[in-house]
């Protein structure tokens, strides 16, 4: 039996979260802000994460264009309690990850790149 796309996405997100101990939550979101798949805590609203992730990436991409920085490869928002990492998955989707402050950023970026490669195969 072939796993559904939803099950495949969930498995990839689960592997990413297991490979980087300080990743708290992940979501695959369309560039329109609609959540495609997520592993979010119950107290986090999917719709809010989707809308914010898409908006942040959109603003970052426009800023990169206008300031001649080229295509945005990732957006990292740092707060006092942790990070929000946003990466494009092809043309129509993004990965949003909520990450604790204690994370090793090099490991996060490396594992995120591998995750994006796997998600790209499905999307």
Protein backbone atom coordinates (compact mmCIF):
# COMPACT_ATOMS: atom_id res chain seq x y z
CA UNK A 1 0.00 0.00 0.00
CA UNK A 2 1.39 3.40 -1.04
CA UNK A 3 1.29 6.02 1.74
CA UNK A 4 -0.83 9.11 1.08
CA UNK A 5 0.86 12.41 0.31
CA UNK A 6 -0.25 13.64 3.72
CA UNK A 7 1.38 10.66 5.43
CA UNK A 8 4.58 11.15 3.42
CA UNK A 9 4.77 14.85 4.34
CA UNK A 10 4.12 14.03 8.00
CA UNK A 11 6.90 11.44 8.00
CA UNK A 12 9.39 13.91 6.48
CA UNK A 13 8.46 16.59 9.04
CA UNK A 14 8.76 14.02 11.84
CA UNK A 15 12.24 12.98 10.64
CA UNK A 16 13.32 16.64 10.53
CA UNK A 17 12.06 17.27 14.07
CA UNK A 18 13.85 14.15 15.34
CA UNK A 19 17.13 15.07 13.63
CA UNK A 20 17.23 18.55 15.21
CA UNK A 21 16.32 18.24 18.91
CA UNK A 22 15.28 21.86 19.41
CA UNK A 23 12.71 22.01 16.59
CA UNK A 24 9.37 22.41 18.37
CA UNK A 25 6.93 22.53 15.46
CA UNK A 26 6.84 22.43 11.67
CA UNK A 27 4.38 23.17 8.90
CA UNK A 28 4.29 22.96 5.13
CA UNK A 29 2.33 25.93 3.85
CA UNK A 30 1.26 27.06 0.39
CA UNK A 31 2.53 30.45 -0.72
CA UNK A 32 -1.12 31.56 -0.30
CA UNK A 33 -0.87 30.77 3.41
CA UNK A 34 -2.89 27.54 3.44
CA UNK A 35 -1.48 24.78 5.65
CA UNK A 36 -0.77 21.61 3.66
CA UNK A 37 0.73 19.57 6.51
CA UNK A 38 1.73 20.38 10.06
CA UNK A 39 3.13 19.09 13.30
CA UNK A 40 2.09 21.96 15.54
CA UNK A 41 1.28 22.00 19.25
CA UNK A 42 -2.42 22.15 20.07
CA UNK A 43 -2.14 25.74 21.31
CA UNK A 44 -0.79 27.01 17.95
CA UNK A 45 -3.35 27.93 15.31
CA UNK A 46 -2.54 26.39 11.92
CA UNK A 47 -4.17 29.21 9.99
CA UNK A 48 -2.16 31.83 11.83
CA UNK A 49 1.15 30.03 11.20
CA UNK A 50 0.26 29.64 7.52
CA UNK A 51 -0.68 33.26 7.02
CA UNK A 52 2.32 34.63 8.91
CA UNK A 53 4.81 32.33 7.21
CA UNK A 54 3.57 33.24 3.74
CA UNK A 55 3.52 36.96 4.58
CA UNK A 56 7.05 36.96 6.02
CA UNK A 57 8.45 35.12 3.00
CA UNK A 58 6.63 37.42 0.58
CA UNK A 59 7.93 40.58 2.26
CA UNK A 60 11.45 39.12 2.46
CA UNK A 61 11.42 38.17 -1.22
CA UNK A 62 10.26 41.63 -2.28
CA UNK A 63 12.89 43.23 -0.04
CA UNK A 64 15.60 41.01 -1.51
CA UNK A 65 14.56 42.00 -5.03
CA UNK A 66 14.38 45.72 -4.30
CA UNK A 67 17.68 45.75 -2.42
CA UNK A 68 19.40 43.63 -5.07
CA UNK A 69 20.10 40.70 -2.72
CA UNK A 70 18.82 38.07 -5.15
CA UNK A 71 16.45 35.25 -4.41
CA UNK A 72 15.81 34.64 -0.72
CA UNK A 73 16.96 31.19 0.34
CA UNK A 74 15.82 31.36 3.96
CA UNK A 75 14.37 33.75 6.47
CA UNK A 76 15.36 33.45 10.11
CA UNK A 77 13.45 35.52 12.63
CA UNK A 78 15.14 35.61 16.05
CA UNK A 79 13.14 36.29 19.19
CA UNK A 80 14.02 36.17 22.85
CA UNK A 81 12.42 32.70 23.14
CA UNK A 82 13.61 31.16 19.89
CA UNK A 83 13.53 31.30 16.12
CA UNK A 84 11.11 31.09 13.24
CA UNK A 85 12.77 29.55 10.20
CA UNK A 86 11.10 29.86 6.80
CA UNK A 87 12.35 28.18 3.61
CA UNK A 88 10.85 27.92 0.15
CA UNK A 89 9.92 24.48 -1.14
CA UNK A 90 9.82 25.09 -4.84
CA UNK A 91 7.56 27.74 -6.26
CA UNK A 92 4.30 27.08 -4.42
CA UNK A 93 5.10 26.00 -0.86
CA UNK A 94 7.20 26.91 2.17
CA UNK A 95 8.46 25.19 5.29
CA UNK A 96 7.92 26.98 8.59
CA UNK A 97 9.75 25.73 11.69
CA UNK A 98 9.48 27.00 15.26
CA UNK A 99 12.81 26.41 16.98
CA UNK A 100 14.13 26.82 20.52
CA UNK A 101 16.91 29.33 21.21
CA UNK A 102 19.40 26.57 22.17
CA UNK A 103 19.55 25.08 18.66
CA UNK A 104 22.83 24.83 16.80
CA UNK A 105 22.08 26.92 13.72
CA UNK A 106 24.52 25.08 11.45
CA UNK A 107 22.83 21.76 12.21
CA UNK A 108 19.40 23.35 11.76
CA UNK A 109 20.28 24.78 8.34
CA UNK A 110 21.89 21.52 7.17
CA UNK A 111 18.97 19.32 8.25
CA UNK A 112 16.47 21.83 6.90
CA UNK A 113 18.13 21.66 3.48
CA UNK A 114 17.80 17.87 3.50
CA UNK A 115 14.16 18.18 4.57
CA UNK A 116 13.43 20.64 1.76
CA UNK A 117 14.97 18.23 -0.77
CA UNK A 118 12.69 15.43 0.43
CA UNK A 119 9.58 17.65 0.50
CA UNK A 120 10.37 18.88 -3.03
CA UNK A 121 10.16 15.33 -4.35
CA UNK A 122 6.57 15.06 -3.15
CA UNK A 123 5.34 18.56 -3.85
